[in-house]
Amino acid sequence: MTPAAARAGLRRLLGDRTIAVGASLLGGCALFSLLLPWAGQNPYLSDFHRGMDGAGEPLPPSTLHLLGTDRLFRDEAVRLAIAGRHSLRIGLLAALLAAAVGTTVGLVAGWTEGSERPGKEASIGRRLLGLFPTADTALSFLIDVGLSFPFLLLVMALSAAAERTNEGTIVLTLSFSGWLGIARLIRSRVLELRHRDFITAARAFGQSTFRIFLLHLLPNVFSTVIVTGTLAAGQMIVAEAALSWLGAGLSPPEPSWGRMLAEGQEVFPASPWLLLAPVAMLVASSLGFNLLGEGLRDRFEEKRPGRDGGDAEPTKAGVSRA
């Protein structure tokens, strides 16, 4: 793809109002989180000289402290920005890892669905192997068991099992419980595609399973992976905030939107900005990812030929060359 074509495609995407609004919300959150910490305020140190009023109470929003100070007289705006870095990074990495695992499991499960069992004429070894469940049966059972647990409850249990809570453990915890729904969705797409003519032609030409996965199945489920991964990122951000609100997220003194919500609840009548600021950031980021995912899904649906549930298929020439 040439740079000109890439720019034209980007303009078409941003021409969609839903995508434009979602991208604007995410861009605003990202810029706020990246640029504001350079303002010079230390988010971890209490300012007992300029961070409280004459009665020893936190300051309201002002030119010195844009969003006031918290109960420990720390700059609320800078802490909100640092927490945004954590939340956005955790949400993106967890969604990326969950999409990678879910896509791999969904491809394998959908491709091996309905595998034939060895008949009576097969050797004893093959018949013994036939007693074991197929990969699709085993993976589908694992997915069903995982989905039977509430997402937040499963995340809390995994987080409690971790000896130390940091960004890495939270990413692994969220992605471990987040890949299940993605795997089920990818499996259903592969079940639709595996009996299509271009897959049958690829197998007739003697292509290996790995080659079929790489050249034919992955391109046809790519749009589904992009949409589900984008929507999952918003869900991961909300889940991370819920963990921090319950005290199972990032360890202090690292700021987190969820912990800032909990702290703001305690002083809401007197200092409402301490609650409204993290609520606004959490809503803006999660809504941005949801709008972006919805817009991308609509765009991909429009590009599907006939909207028959299948993405653009490779040409016969492409199959023969592969």
C-alpha atoms as a PDB file:
ATOM      1  CA  MET A   1       0.000   0.000   0.000  1.00  0.00           C
ATOM      2  CA  THR A   2       1.370   3.357  -1.025  1.00  0.00           C
ATOM      3  CA  PRO A   3       1.504   6.305   1.420  1.00  0.00           C
ATOM      4  CA  ALA A   4      -1.104   8.120  -0.656  1.00  0.00           C
ATOM      5  CA  ALA A   5      -3.486   5.160  -0.461  1.00  0.00           C
ATOM      6  CA  ALA A   6      -2.877   4.888   3.277  1.00  0.00           C
ATOM      7  CA  ARG A   7      -3.693   8.585   3.766  1.00  0.00           C
ATOM      8  CA  ALA A   8      -6.829   8.223   1.650  1.00  0.00           C
ATOM      9  CA  GLY A   9      -7.947   5.229   3.704  1.00  0.00           C
ATOM     10  CA  LEU A  10      -7.324   7.127   6.926  1.00  0.00           C
ATOM     11  CA  ARG A  11      -9.378  10.064   5.670  1.00  0.00           C
ATOM     12  CA  ARG A  12     -12.241   7.719   4.794  1.00  0.00           C
ATOM     13  CA  LEU A  13     -12.136   6.190   8.272  1.00  0.00           C
ATOM     14  CA  LEU A  14     -12.076   9.569  10.006  1.00  0.00           C
ATOM     15  CA  GLY A  15     -14.948  10.638   7.779  1.00  0.00           C
ATOM     16  CA  ASP A  16     -17.139   8.250   9.756  1.00  0.00           C
ATOM     17  CA  ARG A  17     -18.638  10.258  12.613  1.00  0.00           C
ATOM     18  CA  THR A  18     -18.557   7.383  15.106  1.00  0.00           C
ATOM     19  CA  ILE A  19     -14.898   6.628  14.399  1.00  0.00           C
ATOM     20  CA  ALA A  20     -14.008  10.324  14.482  1.00  0.00           C
ATOM     21  CA  VAL A  21     -15.652  10.871  17.875  1.00  0.00           C
ATOM     22  CA  GLY A  22     -14.064   7.740  19.341  1.00  0.00           C
ATOM     23  CA  ALA A  23     -10.626   8.646  18.010  1.00  0.00           C
ATOM     24  CA  SER A  24     -10.999  12.201  19.332  1.00  0.00           C
ATOM     25  CA  LEU A  25     -11.877  10.991  22.821  1.00  0.00           C
ATOM     26  CA  LEU A  26      -8.951   8.574  22.876  1.00  0.00           C
ATOM     27  CA  GLY A  27      -6.600  11.168  21.420  1.00  0.00           C
ATOM     28  CA  GLY A  28      -7.610  13.674  24.078  1.00  0.00           C
ATOM     29  CA  CYS A  29      -7.067  11.154  26.883  1.00  0.00           C
ATOM     30  CA  ALA A  30      -3.706  10.135  25.438  1.00  0.00           C
ATOM     31  CA  LEU A  31      -2.480  13.720  25.020  1.00  0.00           C
ATOM     32  CA  PHE A  32      -3.619  14.648  28.514  1.00  0.00           C
ATOM     33  CA  SER A  33      -1.845  11.611  29.990  1.00  0.00           C
ATOM     34  CA  LEU A  34       1.362  12.096  28.017  1.00  0.00           C
ATOM     35  CA  LEU A  35       1.831  15.854  28.179  1.00  0.00           C
ATOM     36  CA  LEU A  36       0.497  17.003  31.546  1.00  0.00           C
ATOM     37  CA  PRO A  37       3.100  15.222  33.744  1.00  0.00           C
ATOM     38  CA  TRP A  38       5.700  17.514  32.158  1.00  0.00           C
ATOM     39  CA  ALA A  39       4.040  20.468  33.924  1.00  0.00           C
ATOM     40  CA  GLY A  40       6.524  20.125  36.788  1.00  0.00           C
ATOM     41  CA  GLN A  41       4.255  18.986  39.630  1.00  0.00           C
ATOM     42  CA  ASN A  42       5.388  15.859  41.478  1.00  0.00           C
ATOM     43  CA  PRO A  43       2.452  13.414  41.667  1.00  0.00           C
ATOM     44  CA  TYR A  44       3.898  11.524  44.643  1.00  0.00           C
ATOM     45  CA  LEU A  45       4.877  14.349  47.017  1.00  0.00           C
ATOM     46  CA  SER A  46       2.475  16.300  49.223  1.00  0.00           C
ATOM     47  CA  ASP A  47       2.616  20.073  48.874  1.00  0.00           C
ATOM     48  CA  PHE A  48       2.019  21.325  52.429  1.00  0.00           C
ATOM     49  CA  HIS A  49       2.882  24.901  51.482  1.00  0.00           C
ATOM     50  CA  ARG A  50       0.769  25.569  48.401  1.00  0.00           C
ATOM     51  CA  GLY A  51      -1.471  22.484  48.311  1.00  0.00           C
ATOM     52  CA  MET A  52      -3.906  23.379  51.122  1.00  0.00           C
ATOM     53  CA  ASP A  53      -6.014  26.306  52.138  1.00  0.00           C
ATOM     54  CA  GLY A  54      -5.923  28.179  55.428  1.00  0.00           C
ATOM     55  CA  ALA A  55      -8.163  25.597  57.118  1.00  0.00           C
ATOM     56  CA  GLY A  56      -5.906  22.700  56.078  1.00  0.00           C
ATOM     57  CA  GLU A  57      -8.316  21.435  53.387  1.00  0.00           C
ATOM     58  CA  PRO A  58      -7.445  20.411  49.812  1.00  0.00           C
ATOM     59  CA  LEU A  59      -7.425  23.212  47.282  1.00  0.00           C
ATOM     60  CA  PRO A  60     -10.123  23.554  44.601  1.00  0.00           C
ATOM     61  CA  PRO A  61      -9.145  23.834  40.926  1.00  0.00           C
ATOM     62  CA  SER A  62      -6.922  26.856  40.240  1.00  0.00           C
ATOM     63  CA  THR A  63      -4.203  28.030  37.875  1.00  0.00           C
ATOM     64  CA  LEU A  64      -1.549  26.411  40.079  1.00  0.00           C
ATOM     65  CA  HIS A  65      -3.411  23.094  40.457  1.00  0.00           C
ATOM     66  CA  LEU A  66      -5.702  22.630  37.464  1.00  0.00           C
ATOM     67  CA  LEU A  67      -7.907  20.049  39.195  1.00  0.00           C
ATOM     68  CA  GLY A  68      -7.111  20.980  42.771  1.00  0.00           C
ATOM     69  CA  THR A  69      -5.326  18.743  45.265  1.00  0.00           C
ATOM     70  CA  ASP A  70      -6.321  15.457  46.866  1.00  0.00           C
ATOM     71  CA  ARG A  71      -6.575  14.553  50.549  1.00  0.00           C
ATOM     72  CA  LEU A  72      -2.788  14.279  50.804  1.00  0.00           C
ATOM     73  CA  PHE A  73      -2.354  17.670  49.067  1.00  0.00           C
ATOM     74  CA  ARG A  74      -0.938  16.183  45.862  1.00  0.00           C
ATOM     75  CA  ASP A  75      -1.721  17.655  42.458  1.00  0.00           C
ATOM     76  CA  GLU A  76      -4.855  15.913  41.210  1.00  0.00           C
ATOM     77  CA  ALA A  77      -4.362  16.689  37.518  1.00  0.00           C
ATOM     78  CA  VAL A  78      -0.857  15.231  37.319  1.00  0.00           C
ATOM     79  CA  ARG A  79      -1.903  12.153  39.270  1.00  0.00           C
ATOM     80  CA  LEU A  80      -4.855  11.754  36.917  1.00  0.00           C
ATOM     81  CA  ALA A  81      -2.490  11.906  33.938  1.00  0.00           C
ATOM     82  CA  ILE A  82      -0.073   9.351  35.427  1.00  0.00           C
ATOM     83  CA  ALA A  83      -3.026   7.074  36.189  1.00  0.00           C
ATOM     84  CA  GLY A  84      -4.124   7.510  32.571  1.00  0.00           C
ATOM     85  CA  ARG A  85      -0.758   6.253  31.375  1.00  0.00           C
ATOM     86  CA  HIS A  86      -1.171   3.146  33.501  1.00  0.00           C
ATOM     87  CA  SER A  87      -4.782   2.538  32.448  1.00  0.00           C
ATOM     88  CA  LEU A  88      -4.265   3.055  28.717  1.00  0.00           C
ATOM     89  CA  ARG A  89      -1.111   0.945  28.680  1.00  0.00           C
ATOM     90  CA  ILE A  90      -2.758  -1.857  30.647  1.00  0.00           C
ATOM     91  CA  GLY A  91      -5.898  -1.765  28.505  1.00  0.00           C
ATOM     92  CA  LEU A  92      -4.020  -1.863  25.199  1.00  0.00           C
ATOM     93  CA  LEU A  93      -1.521  -4.551  26.206  1.00  0.00           C
ATOM     94  CA  ALA A  94      -4.176  -6.760  27.823  1.00  0.00           C
ATOM     95  CA  ALA A  95      -6.450  -6.445  24.772  1.00  0.00           C
ATOM     96  CA  LEU A  96      -3.544  -7.208  22.412  1.00  0.00           C
ATOM     97  CA  LEU A  97      -2.508 -10.301  24.351  1.00  0.00           C
ATOM     98  CA  ALA A  98      -6.108 -11.499  24.739  1.00  0.00           C
ATOM     99  CA  ALA A  99      -6.713 -11.027  21.002  1.00  0.00           C
ATOM    100  CA  ALA A 100      -3.551 -12.973  20.126  1.00  0.00           C
ATOM    101  CA  VAL A 101      -4.407 -15.909  22.417  1.00  0.00           C
ATOM    102  CA  GLY A 102      -8.103 -15.868  21.516  1.00  0.00           C
ATOM    103  CA  THR A 103      -7.381 -15.785  17.790  1.00  0.00           C
ATOM    104  CA  THR A 104      -4.947 -18.697  18.011  1.00  0.00           C
ATOM    105  CA  VAL A 105      -7.293 -20.826  20.104  1.00  0.00           C
ATOM    106  CA  GLY A 106     -10.291 -19.927  17.933  1.00  0.00           C
ATOM    107  CA  LEU A 107      -8.450 -20.852  14.735  1.00  0.00           C
ATOM    108  CA  VAL A 108      -7.366 -24.235  16.092  1.00  0.00           C
ATOM    109  CA  ALA A 109     -10.765 -25.025  17.602  1.00  0.00           C
ATOM    110  CA  GLY A 110     -12.722 -24.047  14.499  1.00  0.00           C
ATOM    111  CA  TRP A 111     -10.386 -25.876  12.120  1.00  0.00           C
ATOM    112  CA  THR A 112     -10.453 -29.154  14.086  1.00  0.00           C
ATOM    113  CA  GLU A 113     -14.216 -29.128  14.704  1.00  0.00           C
ATOM    114  CA  GLY A 114     -15.868 -32.345  13.621  1.00  0.00           C
ATOM    115  CA  SER A 115     -12.595 -34.214  13.043  1.00  0.00           C
ATOM    116  CA  GLU A 116     -13.246 -37.805  12.039  1.00  0.00           C
ATOM    117  CA  ARG A 117     -12.692 -40.565  14.552  1.00  0.00           C
ATOM    118  CA  PRO A 118     -10.619 -43.585  13.470  1.00  0.00           C
ATOM    119  CA  GLY A 119     -12.776 -46.472  12.295  1.00  0.00           C
ATOM    120  CA  LYS A 120     -12.610 -50.138  13.232  1.00  0.00           C
ATOM    121  CA  GLU A 121     -10.133 -50.830  10.451  1.00  0.00           C
ATOM    122  CA  ALA A 122      -7.626 -48.391  11.994  1.00  0.00           C
ATOM    123  CA  SER A 123      -4.681 -49.585  14.045  1.00  0.00           C
ATOM    124  CA  ILE A 124      -4.940 -50.117  17.790  1.00  0.00           C
ATOM    125  CA  GLY A 125      -2.808 -47.035  18.444  1.00  0.00           C
ATOM    126  CA  ARG A 126      -5.060 -44.779  16.370  1.00  0.00           C
ATOM    127  CA  ARG A 127      -8.157 -46.180  18.029  1.00  0.00           C
ATOM    128  CA  LEU A 128      -6.661 -45.491  21.443  1.00  0.00           C
ATOM    129  CA  LEU A 129      -5.920 -41.929  20.404  1.00  0.00           C
ATOM    130  CA  GLY A 130      -9.501 -41.660  19.194  1.00  0.00           C
ATOM    131  CA  LEU A 131     -10.726 -42.134  22.762  1.00  0.00           C
ATOM    132  CA  PHE A 132      -9.386 -38.697  23.625  1.00  0.00           C
ATOM    133  CA  PRO A 133     -11.420 -35.605  22.764  1.00  0.00           C
ATOM    134  CA  THR A 134     -10.568 -33.588  19.691  1.00  0.00           C
ATOM    135  CA  ALA A 135      -8.835 -30.255  20.062  1.00  0.00           C
ATOM    136  CA  ASP A 136     -12.102 -28.461  19.357  1.00  0.00           C
ATOM    137  CA  THR A 137     -13.947 -30.413  22.049  1.00  0.00           C
ATOM    138  CA  ALA A 138     -11.263 -29.795  24.652  1.00  0.00           C
ATOM    139  CA  LEU A 139     -10.833 -26.099  23.810  1.00  0.00           C
ATOM    140  CA  SER A 140     -14.575 -25.491  23.610  1.00  0.00           C
ATOM    141  CA  PHE A 141     -15.016 -27.103  27.009  1.00  0.00           C
ATOM    142  CA  LEU A 142     -12.255 -24.895  28.415  1.00  0.00           C
ATOM    143  CA  ILE A 143     -13.893 -21.794  26.921  1.00  0.00           C
ATOM    144  CA  ASP A 144     -17.319 -22.724  28.266  1.00  0.00           C
ATOM    145  CA  VAL A 145     -15.931 -23.316  31.751  1.00  0.00           C
ATOM    146  CA  GLY A 146     -14.092 -19.987  31.717  1.00  0.00           C
ATOM    147  CA  LEU A 147     -17.139 -18.079  30.447  1.00  0.00           C
ATOM    148  CA  SER A 148     -19.309 -19.621  33.165  1.00  0.00           C
ATOM    149  CA  PHE A 149     -17.502 -17.446  35.722  1.00  0.00           C
ATOM    150  CA  PRO A 150     -18.329 -13.724  35.894  1.00  0.00           C
ATOM    151  CA  PHE A 151     -15.525 -11.761  34.251  1.00  0.00           C
ATOM    152  CA  LEU A 152     -14.836  -9.435  37.184  1.00  0.00           C
ATOM    153  CA  LEU A 153     -14.985 -12.289  39.717  1.00  0.00           C
ATOM    154  CA  LEU A 154     -12.486 -14.301  37.699  1.00  0.00           C
ATOM    155  CA  VAL A 155     -10.189 -11.279  37.386  1.00  0.00           C
ATOM    156  CA  MET A 156     -10.363 -10.646  41.136  1.00  0.00           C
ATOM    157  CA  ALA A 157      -9.545 -14.283  41.904  1.00  0.00           C
ATOM    158  CA  LEU A 158      -6.542 -14.274  39.587  1.00  0.00           C
ATOM    159  CA  SER A 159      -5.360 -10.934  40.941  1.00  0.00           C
ATOM    160  CA  ALA A 160      -5.622 -12.190  44.517  1.00  0.00           C
ATOM    161  CA  ALA A 161      -3.552 -15.246  43.586  1.00  0.00           C
ATOM    162  CA  ALA A 162      -0.692 -13.042  42.380  1.00  0.00           C
ATOM    163  CA  GLU A 163       1.950 -12.410  45.004  1.00  0.00           C
ATOM    164  CA  ARG A 164       2.696  -8.900  43.784  1.00  0.00           C
ATOM    165  CA  THR A 165       0.414  -6.568  41.863  1.00  0.00           C
ATOM    166  CA  ASN A 166       1.973  -4.422  39.152  1.00  0.00           C
ATOM    167  CA  GLU A 167       1.235  -3.593  35.545  1.00  0.00           C
ATOM    168  CA  GLY A 168       2.565  -6.914  34.293  1.00  0.00           C
ATOM    169  CA  THR A 169       0.466  -9.055  36.602  1.00  0.00           C
ATOM    170  CA  ILE A 170      -2.662  -7.017  35.864  1.00  0.00           C
ATOM    171  CA  VAL A 171      -2.104  -7.348  32.102  1.00  0.00           C
ATOM    172  CA  LEU A 172      -1.661 -11.113  32.407  1.00  0.00           C
ATOM    173  CA  THR A 173      -4.697 -11.384  34.681  1.00  0.00           C
ATOM    174  CA  LEU A 174      -6.989  -9.406  32.396  1.00  0.00           C
ATOM    175  CA  SER A 175      -5.790 -11.097  29.208  1.00  0.00           C
ATOM    176  CA  PHE A 176      -6.066 -14.573  30.778  1.00  0.00           C
ATOM    177  CA  SER A 177      -9.762 -14.011  31.389  1.00  0.00           C
ATOM    178  CA  GLY A 178     -10.395 -11.826  28.337  1.00  0.00           C
ATOM    179  CA  TRP A 179      -9.372 -14.197  25.541  1.00  0.00           C
ATOM    180  CA  LEU A 180     -12.320 -16.539  26.111  1.00  0.00           C
ATOM    181  CA  GLY A 181     -14.991 -14.512  24.354  1.00  0.00           C
ATOM    182  CA  ILE A 182     -12.631 -13.639  21.498  1.00  0.00           C
ATOM    183  CA  ALA A 183     -11.781 -17.316  20.985  1.00  0.00           C
ATOM    184  CA  ARG A 184     -15.447 -18.291  20.782  1.00  0.00           C
ATOM    185  CA  LEU A 185     -16.141 -15.563  18.221  1.00  0.00           C
ATOM    186  CA  ILE A 186     -13.135 -16.474  16.059  1.00  0.00           C
ATOM    187  CA  ARG A 187     -14.102 -20.149  16.230  1.00  0.00           C
ATOM    188  CA  SER A 188     -17.561 -19.368  14.854  1.00  0.00           C
ATOM    189  CA  ARG A 189     -16.011 -17.367  11.990  1.00  0.00           C
ATOM    190  CA  VAL A 190     -13.630 -20.200  11.133  1.00  0.00           C
ATOM    191  CA  LEU A 191     -16.535 -22.666  11.104  1.00  0.00           C
ATOM    192  CA  GLU A 192     -18.173 -20.448   8.469  1.00  0.00           C
ATOM    193  CA  LEU A 193     -15.011 -20.190   6.380  1.00  0.00           C
ATOM    194  CA  ARG A 194     -13.554 -23.684   6.504  1.00  0.00           C
ATOM    195  CA  HIS A 195     -16.042 -25.095   3.964  1.00  0.00           C
ATOM    196  CA  ARG A 196     -15.842 -22.149   1.548  1.00  0.00           C
ATOM    197  CA  ASP A 197     -14.626 -22.789  -1.984  1.00  0.00           C
ATOM    198  CA  PHE A 198     -11.307 -20.984  -1.631  1.00  0.00           C
ATOM    199  CA  ILE A 199     -10.388 -23.077   1.441  1.00  0.00           C
ATOM    200  CA  THR A 200     -11.354 -26.262  -0.415  1.00  0.00           C
ATOM    201  CA  ALA A 201      -9.224 -25.142  -3.370  1.00  0.00           C
ATOM    202  CA  ALA A 202      -6.271 -24.406  -1.100  1.00  0.00           C
ATOM    203  CA  ARG A 203      -6.473 -27.875   0.416  1.00  0.00           C
ATOM    204  CA  ALA A 204      -6.799 -29.430  -3.046  1.00  0.00           C
ATOM    205  CA  PHE A 205      -3.568 -27.700  -4.088  1.00  0.00           C
ATOM    206  CA  GLY A 206      -1.850 -29.419  -1.158  1.00  0.00           C
ATOM    207  CA  GLN A 207      -1.258 -26.387   1.020  1.00  0.00           C
ATOM    208  CA  SER A 208      -0.310 -27.099   4.615  1.00  0.00           C
ATOM    209  CA  THR A 209      -2.573 -26.231   7.514  1.00  0.00           C
ATOM    210  CA  PHE A 210      -0.173 -23.521   8.667  1.00  0.00           C
ATOM    211  CA  ARG A 211      -0.174 -21.964   5.193  1.00  0.00           C
ATOM    212  CA  ILE A 212      -3.969 -22.014   5.054  1.00  0.00           C
ATOM    213  CA  PHE A 213      -4.089 -20.356   8.469  1.00  0.00           C
ATOM    214  CA  LEU A 214      -1.596 -17.678   7.480  1.00  0.00           C
ATOM    215  CA  LEU A 215      -2.742 -16.884   3.930  1.00  0.00           C
ATOM    216  CA  HIS A 216      -6.481 -17.529   3.977  1.00  0.00           C
ATOM    217  CA  LEU A 217      -8.047 -17.777   7.429  1.00  0.00           C
ATOM    218  CA  LEU A 218      -6.168 -14.972   9.204  1.00  0.00           C
ATOM    219  CA  PRO A 219      -6.881 -12.335   6.510  1.00  0.00           C
ATOM    220  CA  ASN A 220     -10.570 -13.283   6.587  1.00  0.00           C
ATOM    221  CA  VAL A 221     -10.892 -13.009  10.370  1.00  0.00           C
ATOM    222  CA  PHE A 222      -8.630  -9.961  10.681  1.00  0.00           C
ATOM    223  CA  SER A 223     -11.527  -7.505  10.746  1.00  0.00           C
ATOM    224  CA  THR A 224     -13.187  -9.505  13.520  1.00  0.00           C
ATOM    225  CA  VAL A 225      -9.958  -9.509  15.519  1.00  0.00           C
ATOM    226  CA  ILE A 226      -9.530  -5.733  15.116  1.00  0.00           C
ATOM    227  CA  VAL A 227     -13.096  -4.965  16.209  1.00  0.00           C
ATOM    228  CA  THR A 228     -13.155  -7.361  19.167  1.00  0.00           C
ATOM    229  CA  GLY A 229      -9.697  -6.235  20.284  1.00  0.00           C
ATOM    230  CA  THR A 230     -10.743  -2.583  20.200  1.00  0.00           C
ATOM    231  CA  LEU A 231     -13.885  -3.274  22.198  1.00  0.00           C
ATOM    232  CA  ALA A 232     -11.888  -5.436  24.620  1.00  0.00           C
ATOM    233  CA  ALA A 233      -9.477  -2.565  25.329  1.00  0.00           C
ATOM    234  CA  GLY A 234     -12.317  -0.465  26.731  1.00  0.00           C
ATOM    235  CA  GLN A 235     -13.478  -3.405  28.815  1.00  0.00           C
ATOM    236  CA  MET A 236      -9.955  -3.936  30.159  1.00  0.00           C
ATOM    237  CA  ILE A 237      -9.688  -0.293  31.249  1.00  0.00           C
ATOM    238  CA  VAL A 238     -12.966  -0.548  33.167  1.00  0.00           C
ATOM    239  CA  ALA A 239     -11.884  -3.857  34.723  1.00  0.00           C
ATOM    240  CA  GLU A 240      -8.546  -2.385  35.832  1.00  0.00           C
ATOM    241  CA  ALA A 241     -10.370   0.564  37.412  1.00  0.00           C
ATOM    242  CA  ALA A 242     -12.727  -1.835  39.196  1.00  0.00           C
ATOM    243  CA  LEU A 243      -9.772  -3.795  40.565  1.00  0.00           C
ATOM    244  CA  SER A 244      -8.143  -0.613  41.860  1.00  0.00           C
ATOM    245  CA  TRP A 245     -11.443   0.613  43.326  1.00  0.00           C
ATOM    246  CA  LEU A 246     -11.670  -2.660  45.261  1.00  0.00           C
ATOM    247  CA  GLY A 247      -8.056  -2.368  46.425  1.00  0.00           C
ATOM    248  CA  ALA A 248      -6.668  -5.152  44.215  1.00  0.00           C
ATOM    249  CA  GLY A 249      -5.072  -3.017  41.512  1.00  0.00           C
ATOM    250  CA  LEU A 250      -1.784  -1.153  41.340  1.00  0.00           C
ATOM    251  CA  SER A 251      -0.018  -0.861  44.659  1.00  0.00           C
ATOM    252  CA  PRO A 252       0.286   2.626  46.234  1.00  0.00           C
ATOM    253  CA  PRO A 253       1.702   5.167  45.724  1.00  0.00           C
ATOM    254  CA  GLU A 254       1.096   4.580  41.999  1.00  0.00           C
ATOM    255  CA  PRO A 255      -2.077   6.473  41.029  1.00  0.00           C
ATOM    256  CA  SER A 256      -4.987   4.665  39.439  1.00  0.00           C
ATOM    257  CA  TRP A 257      -8.351   5.888  38.245  1.00  0.00           C
ATOM    258  CA  GLY A 258     -10.122   3.267  40.338  1.00  0.00           C
ATOM    259  CA  ARG A 259      -8.321   4.217  43.560  1.00  0.00           C
ATOM    260  CA  MET A 260      -8.879   7.897  42.827  1.00  0.00           C
ATOM    261  CA  LEU A 261     -12.586   7.123  42.471  1.00  0.00           C
ATOM    262  CA  ALA A 262     -12.602   5.446  45.867  1.00  0.00           C
ATOM    263  CA  GLU A 263     -10.769   8.380  47.444  1.00  0.00           C
ATOM    264  CA  GLY A 264     -13.077  10.891  45.779  1.00  0.00           C
ATOM    265  CA  GLN A 265     -16.169   9.136  47.095  1.00  0.00           C
ATOM    266  CA  GLU A 266     -15.100   9.782  50.661  1.00  0.00           C
ATOM    267  CA  VAL A 267     -14.895  13.566  50.190  1.00  0.00           C
ATOM    268  CA  PHE A 268     -17.455  14.005  47.415  1.00  0.00           C
ATOM    269  CA  PRO A 269     -19.741  16.578  49.066  1.00  0.00           C
ATOM    270  CA  ALA A 270     -16.849  18.831  50.053  1.00  0.00           C
ATOM    271  CA  SER A 271     -14.486  18.253  47.095  1.00  0.00           C
ATOM    272  CA  PRO A 272     -16.534  17.006  44.113  1.00  0.00           C
ATOM    273  CA  TRP A 273     -13.676  17.476  41.615  1.00  0.00           C
ATOM    274  CA  LEU A 274     -11.797  14.571  43.216  1.00  0.00           C
ATOM    275  CA  LEU A 275     -14.582  12.230  42.067  1.00  0.00           C
ATOM    276  CA  LEU A 276     -15.696  13.886  38.837  1.00  0.00           C
ATOM    277  CA  ALA A 277     -12.208  14.075  37.291  1.00  0.00           C
ATOM    278  CA  PRO A 278     -11.440  10.302  37.292  1.00  0.00           C
ATOM    279  CA  VAL A 279     -15.053   9.536  36.311  1.00  0.00           C
ATOM    280  CA  ALA A 280     -14.711  11.804  33.274  1.00  0.00           C
ATOM    281  CA  MET A 281     -11.427  10.191  32.190  1.00  0.00           C
ATOM    282  CA  LEU A 282     -12.751   6.667  32.675  1.00  0.00           C
ATOM    283  CA  VAL A 283     -15.937   7.378  30.730  1.00  0.00           C
ATOM    284  CA  ALA A 284     -14.071   9.184  27.937  1.00  0.00           C
ATOM    285  CA  SER A 285     -11.505   6.412  27.422  1.00  0.00           C
ATOM    286  CA  SER A 286     -13.924   3.468  27.588  1.00  0.00           C
ATOM    287  CA  LEU A 287     -16.488   5.285  25.429  1.00  0.00           C
ATOM    288  CA  GLY A 288     -13.761   6.158  22.935  1.00  0.00           C
ATOM    289  CA  PHE A 289     -12.757   2.521  22.482  1.00  0.00           C
ATOM    290  CA  ASN A 290     -16.394   1.417  22.226  1.00  0.00           C
ATOM    291  CA  LEU A 291     -17.235   4.036  19.606  1.00  0.00           C
ATOM    292  CA  LEU A 292     -14.082   3.224  17.665  1.00  0.00           C
ATOM    293  CA  GLY A 293     -14.910  -0.484  17.715  1.00  0.00           C
ATOM    294  CA  GLU A 294     -18.521   0.112  16.665  1.00  0.00           C
ATOM    295  CA  GLY A 295     -17.423   2.369  13.823  1.00  0.00           C
ATOM    296  CA  LEU A 296     -14.838  -0.106  12.568  1.00  0.00           C
ATOM    297  CA  ARG A 297     -17.373  -2.913  12.702  1.00  0.00           C
ATOM    298  CA  ASP A 298     -19.820  -0.904  10.586  1.00  0.00           C
ATOM    299  CA  ARG A 299     -17.084  -0.070   8.071  1.00  0.00           C
ATOM    300  CA  PHE A 300     -15.993  -3.692   7.764  1.00  0.00           C
ATOM    301  CA  GLU A 301     -19.606  -4.822   7.413  1.00  0.00           C
ATOM    302  CA  GLU A 302     -20.080  -2.430   4.503  1.00  0.00           C
ATOM    303  CA  LYS A 303     -17.047  -3.881   2.717  1.00  0.00           C
ATOM    304  CA  ARG A 304     -18.250  -7.462   2.929  1.00  0.00           C
ATOM    305  CA  PRO A 305     -19.553  -8.605  -0.445  1.00  0.00           C
ATOM    306  CA  GLY A 306     -23.293  -9.185  -0.081  1.00  0.00           C
ATOM    307  CA  ARG A 307     -22.884  -9.067   3.748  1.00  0.00           C
ATOM    308  CA  ASP A 308     -23.064 -12.841   3.725  1.00  0.00           C
ATOM    309  CA  GLY A 309     -20.878 -13.211   6.775  1.00  0.00           C
ATOM    310  CA  GLY A 310     -17.642 -13.642   4.848  1.00  0.00           C
ATOM    311  CA  ASP A 311     -14.877 -11.205   4.195  1.00  0.00           C
ATOM    312  CA  ALA A 312     -13.151 -10.670   0.880  1.00  0.00           C
ATOM    313  CA  GLU A 313     -11.970 -14.011  -0.437  1.00  0.00           C
ATOM    314  CA  PRO A 314      -8.705 -14.630  -2.293  1.00  0.00           C
ATOM    315  CA  THR A 315      -8.864 -15.063  -6.030  1.00  0.00           C
ATOM    316  CA  LYS A 316      -8.333 -18.419  -7.701  1.00  0.00           C
ATOM    317  CA  ALA A 317      -5.061 -17.157  -9.032  1.00  0.00           C
ATOM    318  CA  GLY A 318      -3.965 -16.269  -5.546  1.00  0.00           C
ATOM    319  CA  VAL A 319      -4.821 -19.767  -4.343  1.00  0.00           C
ATOM    320  CA  SER A 320      -2.951 -21.426  -7.173  1.00  0.00           C
ATOM    321  CA  ARG A 321       0.125 -19.233  -6.678  1.00  0.00           C
ATOM    322  CA  ALA A 322       0.159 -20.046  -2.949  1.00  0.00           C
END
